[in-house]
Amino acid sequence: MKKIDYSRVESVDFCYPNMELSETFYNKFNGLIKSRECYDNVARIFNSNRSILIDYPGICIVYGGVQIITCDDDLGSNLFVKHCFFKFKDKIIDPTLYKNKSLRAETKYFSVTEYSFDEYLDMLFEYGETSPVSIVKQLNKASLDLFSHKIAYAG
């Protein structure tokens, strides 16, 4: 199991969703995607069609955060929730928020940990769930350091 060092988050690198790929995933896997189930959506998509590894070689599963756009002030722009999504060649793919019609090109994401397909399968096998307590604890630990960057991170 991949161990993550959260002793200090020195900086936060934000990235933005790829709207075209998010829409492609949403259209291809629409029947598998449920609102408010980002962790399970990622697992269902991977388990339903392994050709995703051929079509998107090197695709990763990312546990991190997504910005909640509630208002234009500093609080709204720095409020994030725990989230799970895909990353392919530095492009964020988020079929969950695309389904909710809340995905915007300017929505910020950040990564706390990324898993290759094999690492993700190992994690699922070891813990038997898509959001194991160990990962949630690691994400919670990261939230303390993120707060030092004026980022509120909840979930």
Protein backbone atom coordinates (compact mmCIF):
# COMPACT_ATOMS: atom_id res chain seq x y z
CA MET A 1 0.00 0.00 0.00
CA LYS A 2 1.32 3.41 -0.96
CA LYS A 3 2.30 5.51 2.05
CA ILE A 4 1.88 9.26 1.81
CA ASP A 5 3.94 11.77 3.76
CA TYR A 6 1.75 14.63 4.92
CA SER A 7 4.25 16.04 7.37
CA ARG A 8 4.08 19.32 5.45
CA VAL A 9 2.25 20.55 2.40
CA GLU A 10 4.71 23.10 1.00
CA SER A 11 2.55 24.28 -1.86
CA VAL A 12 -0.72 23.51 -3.53
CA ASP A 13 -0.76 23.08 -7.27
CA PHE A 14 -4.19 23.61 -8.73
CA CYS A 15 -5.40 22.13 -11.98
CA TYR A 16 -8.62 22.46 -13.91
CA PRO A 17 -10.99 19.91 -15.45
CA ASN A 18 -10.87 18.89 -19.05
CA MET A 19 -14.46 19.51 -20.05
CA GLU A 20 -14.29 17.45 -23.25
CA LEU A 21 -12.91 14.33 -21.56
CA SER A 22 -15.29 14.72 -18.61
CA GLU A 23 -18.22 14.86 -21.03
CA THR A 24 -16.87 11.82 -22.94
CA PHE A 25 -16.65 9.79 -19.73
CA TYR A 26 -20.06 10.97 -18.63
CA ASN A 27 -21.65 9.97 -21.95
CA LYS A 28 -19.86 6.61 -22.07
CA PHE A 29 -20.53 5.63 -18.45
CA ASN A 30 -23.69 7.60 -17.64
CA GLY A 31 -25.56 4.56 -16.32
CA LEU A 32 -22.82 3.93 -13.75
CA ILE A 33 -22.47 7.47 -12.43
CA LYS A 34 -24.48 8.51 -9.40
CA SER A 35 -24.59 11.89 -7.72
CA ARG A 36 -22.54 12.25 -4.54
CA GLU A 37 -20.72 8.94 -5.08
CA CYS A 38 -17.39 10.02 -6.56
CA TYR A 39 -15.36 7.21 -4.93
CA ASP A 40 -17.79 4.52 -6.06
CA ASN A 41 -18.24 6.09 -9.51
CA VAL A 42 -14.52 5.75 -10.19
CA ALA A 43 -14.59 2.10 -9.10
CA ARG A 44 -17.70 1.30 -11.15
CA ILE A 45 -16.20 2.87 -14.27
CA PHE A 46 -12.95 0.92 -13.90
CA ASN A 47 -14.72 -2.34 -13.15
CA SER A 48 -17.18 -2.01 -16.02
CA ASN A 49 -14.78 -1.57 -18.90
CA ARG A 50 -11.09 -2.39 -18.71
CA SER A 51 -10.61 -1.01 -22.23
CA ILE A 52 -10.27 2.33 -20.47
CA LEU A 53 -6.64 1.28 -19.88
CA ILE A 54 -6.10 0.85 -23.61
CA ASP A 55 -7.96 4.02 -24.59
CA TYR A 56 -6.26 6.07 -21.84
CA PRO A 57 -2.88 4.43 -21.08
CA GLY A 58 -1.47 5.62 -17.78
CA ILE A 59 -4.79 6.92 -16.45
CA CYS A 60 -4.70 7.49 -12.68
CA ILE A 61 -7.24 7.57 -9.91
CA VAL A 62 -6.81 10.68 -7.80
CA TYR A 63 -7.90 11.36 -4.23
CA GLY A 64 -7.82 15.06 -3.55
CA GLY A 65 -10.09 18.05 -3.48
CA VAL A 66 -12.47 19.99 -5.67
CA GLN A 67 -13.46 23.61 -5.23
CA ILE A 68 -16.98 24.44 -4.21
CA ILE A 69 -18.01 27.61 -5.96
CA THR A 70 -20.47 29.28 -3.63
CA CYS A 71 -19.64 32.94 -4.00
CA ASP A 72 -17.00 35.26 -5.40
CA ASP A 73 -15.33 36.18 -2.11
CA ASP A 74 -12.17 34.61 -0.73
CA LEU A 75 -14.01 32.08 1.40
CA GLY A 76 -16.02 30.72 -1.52
CA SER A 77 -13.02 30.46 -3.78
CA ASN A 78 -10.94 28.59 -1.19
CA LEU A 79 -13.50 26.07 0.03
CA PHE A 80 -12.78 22.53 -1.12
CA VAL A 81 -14.28 19.11 -0.42
CA LYS A 82 -12.67 15.69 -0.61
CA HIS A 83 -13.17 14.19 -4.03
CA CYS A 84 -12.11 11.32 -6.27
CA PHE A 85 -11.58 11.72 -10.00
CA PHE A 86 -9.42 10.60 -12.91
CA LYS A 87 -6.23 12.11 -14.28
CA PHE A 88 -4.92 11.38 -17.75
CA LYS A 89 -1.80 13.12 -19.08
CA ASP A 90 -2.27 15.94 -16.54
CA LYS A 91 -5.91 16.36 -17.57
CA ILE A 92 -8.58 16.12 -14.89
CA ILE A 93 -11.59 13.99 -15.80
CA ASP A 94 -14.60 14.32 -13.53
CA PRO A 95 -17.73 12.52 -14.70
CA THR A 96 -19.38 12.88 -11.26
CA LEU A 97 -19.56 16.66 -11.28
CA TYR A 98 -20.37 16.63 -14.99
CA LYS A 99 -23.46 14.56 -14.14
CA ASN A 100 -24.44 17.06 -11.45
CA LYS A 101 -24.15 19.86 -14.00
CA SER A 102 -21.86 21.63 -11.53
CA LEU A 103 -18.61 21.18 -13.43
CA ARG A 104 -17.13 24.40 -14.79
CA ALA A 105 -13.93 24.98 -16.70
CA GLU A 106 -12.70 27.28 -13.92
CA THR A 107 -13.32 24.75 -11.12
CA LYS A 108 -10.06 24.12 -9.24
CA TYR A 109 -8.80 20.67 -8.29
CA PHE A 110 -5.81 19.49 -6.35
CA SER A 111 -4.30 16.08 -5.85
CA VAL A 112 -3.37 14.59 -2.50
CA THR A 113 -2.50 11.13 -3.80
CA GLU A 114 -2.66 9.37 -7.16
CA TYR A 115 -2.95 5.67 -7.87
CA SER A 116 -2.06 3.77 -11.02
CA PHE A 117 -4.58 1.13 -12.02
CA ASP A 118 -2.53 -1.63 -10.35
CA GLU A 119 -2.07 0.37 -7.15
CA TYR A 120 -5.79 1.15 -7.07
CA LEU A 121 -6.69 -2.53 -7.45
CA ASP A 122 -4.25 -3.40 -4.66
CA MET A 123 -5.89 -0.79 -2.43
CA LEU A 124 -9.40 -2.10 -3.21
CA PHE A 125 -8.26 -5.67 -2.53
CA GLU A 126 -6.56 -4.73 0.73
CA TYR A 127 -9.38 -2.59 2.16
CA GLY A 128 -12.45 -3.83 0.29
CA GLU A 129 -13.87 -0.34 -0.14
CA THR A 130 -13.38 2.69 -2.36
CA SER A 131 -12.86 5.22 0.45
CA PRO A 132 -11.02 3.27 3.14
CA VAL A 133 -10.53 4.81 6.54
CA SER A 134 -6.76 4.93 6.01
CA ILE A 135 -7.11 7.20 2.98
CA VAL A 136 -9.74 9.37 4.66
CA LYS A 137 -7.40 9.79 7.64
CA GLN A 138 -4.57 10.79 5.29
CA LEU A 139 -6.83 13.31 3.57
CA ASN A 140 -7.87 14.70 6.96
CA LYS A 141 -4.22 15.08 7.94
CA ALA A 142 -3.53 17.00 4.76
CA SER A 143 -6.37 19.39 5.56
CA LEU A 144 -4.43 20.87 8.48
CA ASP A 145 -1.50 21.86 6.28
CA LEU A 146 -3.82 23.06 3.53
CA PHE A 147 -5.40 25.43 6.04
CA SER A 148 -2.01 27.15 6.34
CA HIS A 149 -2.43 28.03 2.65
CA LYS A 150 -5.86 29.55 3.47
CA ILE A 151 -7.67 26.58 1.99
CA ALA A 152 -10.62 25.11 3.85
CA TYR A 153 -10.82 21.40 3.06
CA ALA A 154 -13.78 19.39 4.31
CA GLY A 155 -15.68 16.35 3.29
